[in-house]
Amino acid sequence: MKKKKSNILEKINEFRYSDSLPATATKFLLAILAAGPFLVVGSAAAGIFSATKSFEKSKRYSKKQIENSIRNLKHRKLIEIIQEKDGQIKVQLSNRGKKRTREFSISTLSIPKPKKWDGKWRILMFDIPSKPKIYDKAREALRKKIKELRFYQMQKSAWAYPYECEDEILLIAELYNIQKFIEIITVEKILHEQHLKKFFKI
């Protein structure tokens, strides 16, 4: 579990510093809050700026930008600002904000291709239930991403890929809480693998 959590945080950091999306304070805050809610003292803007600026390597965001981003996120109902009994303020992602962060994180996801294939096949299998409704969204997101990554569909819910991909698939599964419905098997031989080799050009 610790390895999975580490992988997720690594991917969130990649998303945070990714150049594939606009480098905005809003994107930065979404990524920070994806790791968990913040408890701050005083104004939410000042508290978040103080708490997160140590994570921001380039320090490219001012307090004014943070304030504007918080107002923007609150207006779009992507975050919730809750006054705690002890006077602290809790800032956390709303359900809509979690959905938006998942979309950003998955959109930047890629699988590194090694210089040489190790001769092994990764078989991804999943059987995600239809209820509750969130599982439908999870299934659609997973199918869409593995198609984008050019997995080969062997059967309805069985897909083949020639390179290591466990961490990336588990990231998607963790974001949607569907880990128990997914299995990845590594095999050295597939009966009709010549077709797969042609498909993947290996």
C-alpha atoms as a PDB file:
ATOM      1  CA  MET A   1       0.000   0.000   0.000  1.00  0.00           C
ATOM      2  CA  LYS A   2       2.854   2.398   0.778  1.00  0.00           C
ATOM      3  CA  LYS A   3       4.284   1.820  -2.706  1.00  0.00           C
ATOM      4  CA  LYS A   4       0.894   2.537  -4.289  1.00  0.00           C
ATOM      5  CA  LYS A   5       0.523   5.735  -2.253  1.00  0.00           C
ATOM      6  CA  SER A   6       4.031   6.815  -3.214  1.00  0.00           C
ATOM      7  CA  ASN A   7       3.281   6.223  -6.892  1.00  0.00           C
ATOM      8  CA  ILE A   8       0.108   8.280  -6.654  1.00  0.00           C
ATOM      9  CA  LEU A   9       1.902  11.195  -5.015  1.00  0.00           C
ATOM     10  CA  GLU A  10       4.654  10.975  -7.633  1.00  0.00           C
ATOM     11  CA  LYS A  11       2.055  11.213 -10.388  1.00  0.00           C
ATOM     12  CA  ILE A  12       0.358  14.127  -8.644  1.00  0.00           C
ATOM     13  CA  ASN A  13       3.731  15.889  -8.506  1.00  0.00           C
ATOM     14  CA  GLU A  14       4.263  15.175 -12.208  1.00  0.00           C
ATOM     15  CA  PHE A  15       0.852  16.668 -12.868  1.00  0.00           C
ATOM     16  CA  ARG A  16       1.668  19.657 -10.648  1.00  0.00           C
ATOM     17  CA  TYR A  17       4.845  20.519 -12.543  1.00  0.00           C
ATOM     18  CA  SER A  18       3.690  19.287 -15.947  1.00  0.00           C
ATOM     19  CA  ASP A  19       4.208  21.584 -18.922  1.00  0.00           C
ATOM     20  CA  SER A  20       1.420  19.829 -20.799  1.00  0.00           C
ATOM     21  CA  LEU A  21      -1.159  21.935 -18.942  1.00  0.00           C
ATOM     22  CA  PRO A  22      -1.219  25.693 -18.351  1.00  0.00           C
ATOM     23  CA  ALA A  23       1.111  26.545 -15.475  1.00  0.00           C
ATOM     24  CA  THR A  24      -1.489  28.233 -13.307  1.00  0.00           C
ATOM     25  CA  ALA A  25      -1.822  28.670  -9.568  1.00  0.00           C
ATOM     26  CA  THR A  26      -5.267  27.072  -9.866  1.00  0.00           C
ATOM     27  CA  LYS A  27      -3.801  23.852 -11.289  1.00  0.00           C
ATOM     28  CA  PHE A  28      -1.112  23.903  -8.615  1.00  0.00           C
ATOM     29  CA  LEU A  29      -3.674  24.210  -5.806  1.00  0.00           C
ATOM     30  CA  LEU A  30      -5.803  21.406  -7.203  1.00  0.00           C
ATOM     31  CA  ALA A  31      -2.759  19.139  -7.247  1.00  0.00           C
ATOM     32  CA  ILE A  32      -1.744  20.117  -3.707  1.00  0.00           C
ATOM     33  CA  LEU A  33      -5.255  19.484  -2.367  1.00  0.00           C
ATOM     34  CA  ALA A  34      -5.398  16.131  -4.156  1.00  0.00           C
ATOM     35  CA  ALA A  35      -2.930  14.883  -1.523  1.00  0.00           C
ATOM     36  CA  GLY A  36      -5.386  15.807   1.261  1.00  0.00           C
ATOM     37  CA  PRO A  37      -7.162  18.752   2.935  1.00  0.00           C
ATOM     38  CA  PHE A  38      -5.294  21.670   4.510  1.00  0.00           C
ATOM     39  CA  LEU A  39      -5.847  23.105   7.975  1.00  0.00           C
ATOM     40  CA  VAL A  40      -4.819  26.760   8.100  1.00  0.00           C
ATOM     41  CA  VAL A  41      -5.002  29.603  10.605  1.00  0.00           C
ATOM     42  CA  GLY A  42      -6.284  33.008   9.538  1.00  0.00           C
ATOM     43  CA  SER A  43      -7.346  33.638   5.977  1.00  0.00           C
ATOM     44  CA  ALA A  44      -7.416  30.575   3.745  1.00  0.00           C
ATOM     45  CA  ALA A  45      -5.346  32.319   1.085  1.00  0.00           C
ATOM     46  CA  ALA A  46      -2.508  33.304   3.413  1.00  0.00           C
ATOM     47  CA  GLY A  47      -2.580  29.939   5.151  1.00  0.00           C
ATOM     48  CA  ILE A  48      -2.406  27.926   1.961  1.00  0.00           C
ATOM     49  CA  PHE A  49       0.323  30.122   0.546  1.00  0.00           C
ATOM     50  CA  SER A  50       2.401  29.648   3.704  1.00  0.00           C
ATOM     51  CA  ALA A  51       1.760  25.893   3.791  1.00  0.00           C
ATOM     52  CA  THR A  52       2.431  25.169   0.143  1.00  0.00           C
ATOM     53  CA  LYS A  53       5.182  27.551  -0.932  1.00  0.00           C
ATOM     54  CA  SER A  54       7.832  25.155   0.388  1.00  0.00           C
ATOM     55  CA  PHE A  55       6.573  22.601  -2.159  1.00  0.00           C
ATOM     56  CA  GLU A  56       6.708  25.024  -5.076  1.00  0.00           C
ATOM     57  CA  LYS A  57      10.227  24.722  -6.470  1.00  0.00           C
ATOM     58  CA  SER A  58      10.009  27.680  -8.794  1.00  0.00           C
ATOM     59  CA  LYS A  59       8.072  29.878  -6.313  1.00  0.00           C
ATOM     60  CA  ARG A  60       6.285  31.427  -9.260  1.00  0.00           C
ATOM     61  CA  TYR A  61       2.979  32.177  -7.523  1.00  0.00           C
ATOM     62  CA  SER A  62       2.301  35.284  -5.456  1.00  0.00           C
ATOM     63  CA  LYS A  63      -0.171  35.604  -2.581  1.00  0.00           C
ATOM     64  CA  LYS A  64      -2.420  37.565  -4.917  1.00  0.00           C
ATOM     65  CA  GLN A  65      -2.439  34.704  -7.427  1.00  0.00           C
ATOM     66  CA  ILE A  66      -3.234  32.241  -4.639  1.00  0.00           C
ATOM     67  CA  GLU A  67      -6.112  34.448  -3.445  1.00  0.00           C
ATOM     68  CA  ASN A  68      -7.521  34.721  -6.954  1.00  0.00           C
ATOM     69  CA  SER A  69      -7.207  30.982  -7.453  1.00  0.00           C
ATOM     70  CA  ILE A  70      -9.018  30.206  -4.192  1.00  0.00           C
ATOM     71  CA  ARG A  71     -11.859  32.536  -5.168  1.00  0.00           C
ATOM     72  CA  ASN A  72     -11.958  30.930  -8.608  1.00  0.00           C
ATOM     73  CA  LEU A  73     -11.992  27.386  -7.213  1.00  0.00           C
ATOM     74  CA  LYS A  74     -14.658  28.286  -4.639  1.00  0.00           C
ATOM     75  CA  HIS A  75     -16.817  30.008  -7.271  1.00  0.00           C
ATOM     76  CA  ARG A  76     -16.576  26.909  -9.494  1.00  0.00           C
ATOM     77  CA  LYS A  77     -17.414  24.736  -6.463  1.00  0.00           C
ATOM     78  CA  LEU A  78     -14.180  22.772  -6.812  1.00  0.00           C
ATOM     79  CA  ILE A  79     -13.144  23.334  -3.182  1.00  0.00           C
ATOM     80  CA  GLU A  80     -14.874  23.583   0.175  1.00  0.00           C
ATOM     81  CA  ILE A  81     -13.758  25.987   2.913  1.00  0.00           C
ATOM     82  CA  ILE A  82     -14.943  24.819   6.344  1.00  0.00           C
ATOM     83  CA  GLN A  83     -14.626  26.713   9.630  1.00  0.00           C
ATOM     84  CA  GLU A  84     -13.465  24.282  12.336  1.00  0.00           C
ATOM     85  CA  LYS A  85     -14.482  24.585  16.006  1.00  0.00           C
ATOM     86  CA  ASP A  86     -10.916  25.393  17.093  1.00  0.00           C
ATOM     87  CA  GLY A  87     -10.798  28.429  14.806  1.00  0.00           C
ATOM     88  CA  GLN A  88      -8.805  26.762  12.061  1.00  0.00           C
ATOM     89  CA  ILE A  89     -10.020  26.681   8.483  1.00  0.00           C
ATOM     90  CA  LYS A  90     -10.122  23.425   6.538  1.00  0.00           C
ATOM     91  CA  VAL A  91      -9.718  23.660   2.787  1.00  0.00           C
ATOM     92  CA  GLN A  92     -10.497  20.524   0.807  1.00  0.00           C
ATOM     93  CA  LEU A  93     -11.551  19.380  -2.636  1.00  0.00           C
ATOM     94  CA  SER A  94     -15.267  19.044  -3.254  1.00  0.00           C
ATOM     95  CA  ASN A  95     -16.572  16.010  -5.117  1.00  0.00           C
ATOM     96  CA  ARG A  96     -16.504  18.111  -8.272  1.00  0.00           C
ATOM     97  CA  GLY A  97     -12.921  19.141  -7.515  1.00  0.00           C
ATOM     98  CA  LYS A  98     -11.879  15.507  -7.006  1.00  0.00           C
ATOM     99  CA  LYS A  99     -13.398  14.650 -10.380  1.00  0.00           C
ATOM    100  CA  ARG A 100     -11.552  17.529 -12.063  1.00  0.00           C
ATOM    101  CA  THR A 101      -8.251  16.501 -10.466  1.00  0.00           C
ATOM    102  CA  ARG A 102      -8.723  12.906 -11.579  1.00  0.00           C
ATOM    103  CA  GLU A 103      -9.292  14.114 -15.130  1.00  0.00           C
ATOM    104  CA  PHE A 104      -6.108  16.228 -15.055  1.00  0.00           C
ATOM    105  CA  SER A 105      -4.020  13.456 -13.502  1.00  0.00           C
ATOM    106  CA  ILE A 106      -5.194  10.823 -15.969  1.00  0.00           C
ATOM    107  CA  SER A 107      -4.808  13.150 -18.958  1.00  0.00           C
ATOM    108  CA  THR A 108      -1.070  13.528 -18.245  1.00  0.00           C
ATOM    109  CA  LEU A 109      -0.511   9.803 -17.639  1.00  0.00           C
ATOM    110  CA  SER A 110       1.884   7.996 -19.982  1.00  0.00           C
ATOM    111  CA  ILE A 111       3.848   4.732 -19.947  1.00  0.00           C
ATOM    112  CA  PRO A 112       7.596   4.974 -20.635  1.00  0.00           C
ATOM    113  CA  LYS A 113       8.728   2.704 -23.457  1.00  0.00           C
ATOM    114  CA  PRO A 114      12.043   0.883 -22.813  1.00  0.00           C
ATOM    115  CA  LYS A 115      14.721   0.692 -25.492  1.00  0.00           C
ATOM    116  CA  LYS A 116      14.423  -3.100 -25.584  1.00  0.00           C
ATOM    117  CA  TRP A 117      11.370  -5.296 -25.010  1.00  0.00           C
ATOM    118  CA  ASP A 118      11.855  -7.854 -22.225  1.00  0.00           C
ATOM    119  CA  GLY A 119       9.843 -10.514 -24.078  1.00  0.00           C
ATOM    120  CA  LYS A 120       6.978 -10.501 -21.553  1.00  0.00           C
ATOM    121  CA  TRP A 121       3.316  -9.622 -22.015  1.00  0.00           C
ATOM    122  CA  ARG A 122       1.197  -7.757 -19.471  1.00  0.00           C
ATOM    123  CA  ILE A 123      -2.423  -8.850 -19.492  1.00  0.00           C
ATOM    124  CA  LEU A 124      -4.838  -6.379 -17.916  1.00  0.00           C
ATOM    125  CA  MET A 125      -8.195  -7.828 -16.845  1.00  0.00           C
ATOM    126  CA  PHE A 126     -11.009  -6.045 -15.083  1.00  0.00           C
ATOM    127  CA  ASP A 127     -14.585  -6.776 -14.069  1.00  0.00           C
ATOM    128  CA  ILE A 128     -16.009  -3.536 -12.709  1.00  0.00           C
ATOM    129  CA  PRO A 129     -19.626  -3.722 -11.464  1.00  0.00           C
ATOM    130  CA  SER A 130     -22.312  -1.470 -12.881  1.00  0.00           C
ATOM    131  CA  LYS A 131     -23.452  -0.151  -9.494  1.00  0.00           C
ATOM    132  CA  PRO A 132     -22.997   2.279  -7.868  1.00  0.00           C
ATOM    133  CA  LYS A 133     -22.960   4.738 -10.780  1.00  0.00           C
ATOM    134  CA  ILE A 134     -19.417   5.945 -10.034  1.00  0.00           C
ATOM    135  CA  TYR A 135     -18.194   2.576 -11.311  1.00  0.00           C
ATOM    136  CA  ASP A 136     -19.597   3.357 -14.765  1.00  0.00           C
ATOM    137  CA  LYS A 137     -17.447   6.505 -14.869  1.00  0.00           C
ATOM    138  CA  ALA A 138     -14.445   4.546 -13.620  1.00  0.00           C
ATOM    139  CA  ARG A 139     -14.887   1.899 -16.323  1.00  0.00           C
ATOM    140  CA  GLU A 140     -15.238   4.543 -19.032  1.00  0.00           C
ATOM    141  CA  ALA A 141     -12.136   6.400 -17.798  1.00  0.00           C
ATOM    142  CA  LEU A 142     -10.085   3.193 -17.682  1.00  0.00           C
ATOM    143  CA  ARG A 143     -11.205   2.031 -21.141  1.00  0.00           C
ATOM    144  CA  LYS A 144     -10.595   5.439 -22.656  1.00  0.00           C
ATOM    145  CA  LYS A 145      -7.077   5.670 -21.216  1.00  0.00           C
ATOM    146  CA  ILE A 146      -5.924   2.172 -22.148  1.00  0.00           C
ATOM    147  CA  LYS A 147      -7.183   2.737 -25.698  1.00  0.00           C
ATOM    148  CA  GLU A 148      -5.242   6.003 -25.780  1.00  0.00           C
ATOM    149  CA  LEU A 149      -2.158   4.141 -24.516  1.00  0.00           C
ATOM    150  CA  ARG A 150      -2.689   1.609 -27.330  1.00  0.00           C
ATOM    151  CA  PHE A 151      -3.370  -1.514 -25.298  1.00  0.00           C
ATOM    152  CA  TYR A 152      -4.542  -4.386 -27.504  1.00  0.00           C
ATOM    153  CA  GLN A 153      -8.038  -5.688 -26.743  1.00  0.00           C
ATOM    154  CA  MET A 154      -7.960  -9.489 -26.646  1.00  0.00           C
ATOM    155  CA  GLN A 155     -11.460  -9.961 -25.232  1.00  0.00           C
ATOM    156  CA  LYS A 156     -14.162  -7.689 -23.814  1.00  0.00           C
ATOM    157  CA  SER A 157     -12.286  -6.941 -20.580  1.00  0.00           C
ATOM    158  CA  ALA A 158      -8.855  -8.393 -21.317  1.00  0.00           C
ATOM    159  CA  TRP A 159      -6.134  -6.200 -22.805  1.00  0.00           C
ATOM    160  CA  ALA A 160      -2.497  -6.912 -23.696  1.00  0.00           C
ATOM    161  CA  TYR A 161       0.522  -4.639 -23.458  1.00  0.00           C
ATOM    162  CA  PRO A 162       4.231  -5.453 -23.928  1.00  0.00           C
ATOM    163  CA  TYR A 163       5.764  -3.107 -21.345  1.00  0.00           C
ATOM    164  CA  GLU A 164       5.599  -2.621 -17.578  1.00  0.00           C
ATOM    165  CA  CYS A 165       2.417  -0.708 -16.815  1.00  0.00           C
ATOM    166  CA  GLU A 166       1.312  -1.799 -13.339  1.00  0.00           C
ATOM    167  CA  ASP A 167       2.025   1.516 -11.586  1.00  0.00           C
ATOM    168  CA  GLU A 168       0.154   3.546 -14.208  1.00  0.00           C
ATOM    169  CA  ILE A 169      -2.904   1.280 -14.219  1.00  0.00           C
ATOM    170  CA  LEU A 170      -2.958   1.154 -10.417  1.00  0.00           C
ATOM    171  CA  LEU A 171      -2.884   4.945 -10.338  1.00  0.00           C
ATOM    172  CA  ILE A 172      -6.130   5.076 -12.317  1.00  0.00           C
ATOM    173  CA  ALA A 173      -7.585   2.312 -10.148  1.00  0.00           C
ATOM    174  CA  GLU A 174      -6.599   4.142  -6.950  1.00  0.00           C
ATOM    175  CA  LEU A 175      -8.096   7.428  -8.134  1.00  0.00           C
ATOM    176  CA  TYR A 176     -11.430   5.695  -8.739  1.00  0.00           C
ATOM    177  CA  ASN A 177     -11.142   3.184  -5.865  1.00  0.00           C
ATOM    178  CA  ILE A 178     -11.503   0.157  -8.151  1.00  0.00           C
ATOM    179  CA  GLN A 179      -8.263  -1.672  -7.276  1.00  0.00           C
ATOM    180  CA  LYS A 180     -10.083  -4.848  -6.210  1.00  0.00           C
ATOM    181  CA  PHE A 181     -11.700  -5.197  -9.639  1.00  0.00           C
ATOM    182  CA  ILE A 182      -8.422  -5.138 -11.574  1.00  0.00           C
ATOM    183  CA  GLU A 183      -5.775  -7.781 -12.183  1.00  0.00           C
ATOM    184  CA  ILE A 184      -2.521  -7.575 -14.146  1.00  0.00           C
ATOM    185  CA  ILE A 185      -0.780 -10.807 -15.148  1.00  0.00           C
ATOM    186  CA  THR A 186       2.708 -11.054 -16.658  1.00  0.00           C
ATOM    187  CA  VAL A 187       3.249 -13.932 -19.081  1.00  0.00           C
ATOM    188  CA  GLU A 188       6.093 -14.986 -21.363  1.00  0.00           C
ATOM    189  CA  LYS A 189       4.033 -16.717 -24.052  1.00  0.00           C
ATOM    190  CA  ILE A 190       0.726 -16.031 -25.808  1.00  0.00           C
ATOM    191  CA  LEU A 191      -0.653 -18.479 -28.359  1.00  0.00           C
ATOM    192  CA  HIS A 192      -1.194 -15.913 -31.131  1.00  0.00           C
ATOM    193  CA  GLU A 193       1.519 -13.480 -30.124  1.00  0.00           C
ATOM    194  CA  GLN A 194       2.750 -12.900 -33.672  1.00  0.00           C
ATOM    195  CA  HIS A 195      -0.319 -10.765 -34.257  1.00  0.00           C
ATOM    196  CA  LEU A 196       0.463  -8.816 -31.094  1.00  0.00           C
ATOM    197  CA  LYS A 197       4.092  -8.323 -32.108  1.00  0.00           C
ATOM    198  CA  LYS A 198       2.920  -6.922 -35.409  1.00  0.00           C
ATOM    199  CA  PHE A 199       0.444  -4.621 -33.669  1.00  0.00           C
ATOM    200  CA  PHE A 200       3.095  -3.263 -31.278  1.00  0.00           C
ATOM    201  CA  LYS A 201       5.843  -3.333 -33.903  1.00  0.00           C
ATOM    202  CA  ILE A 202       8.255  -5.394 -31.831  1.00  0.00           C
END
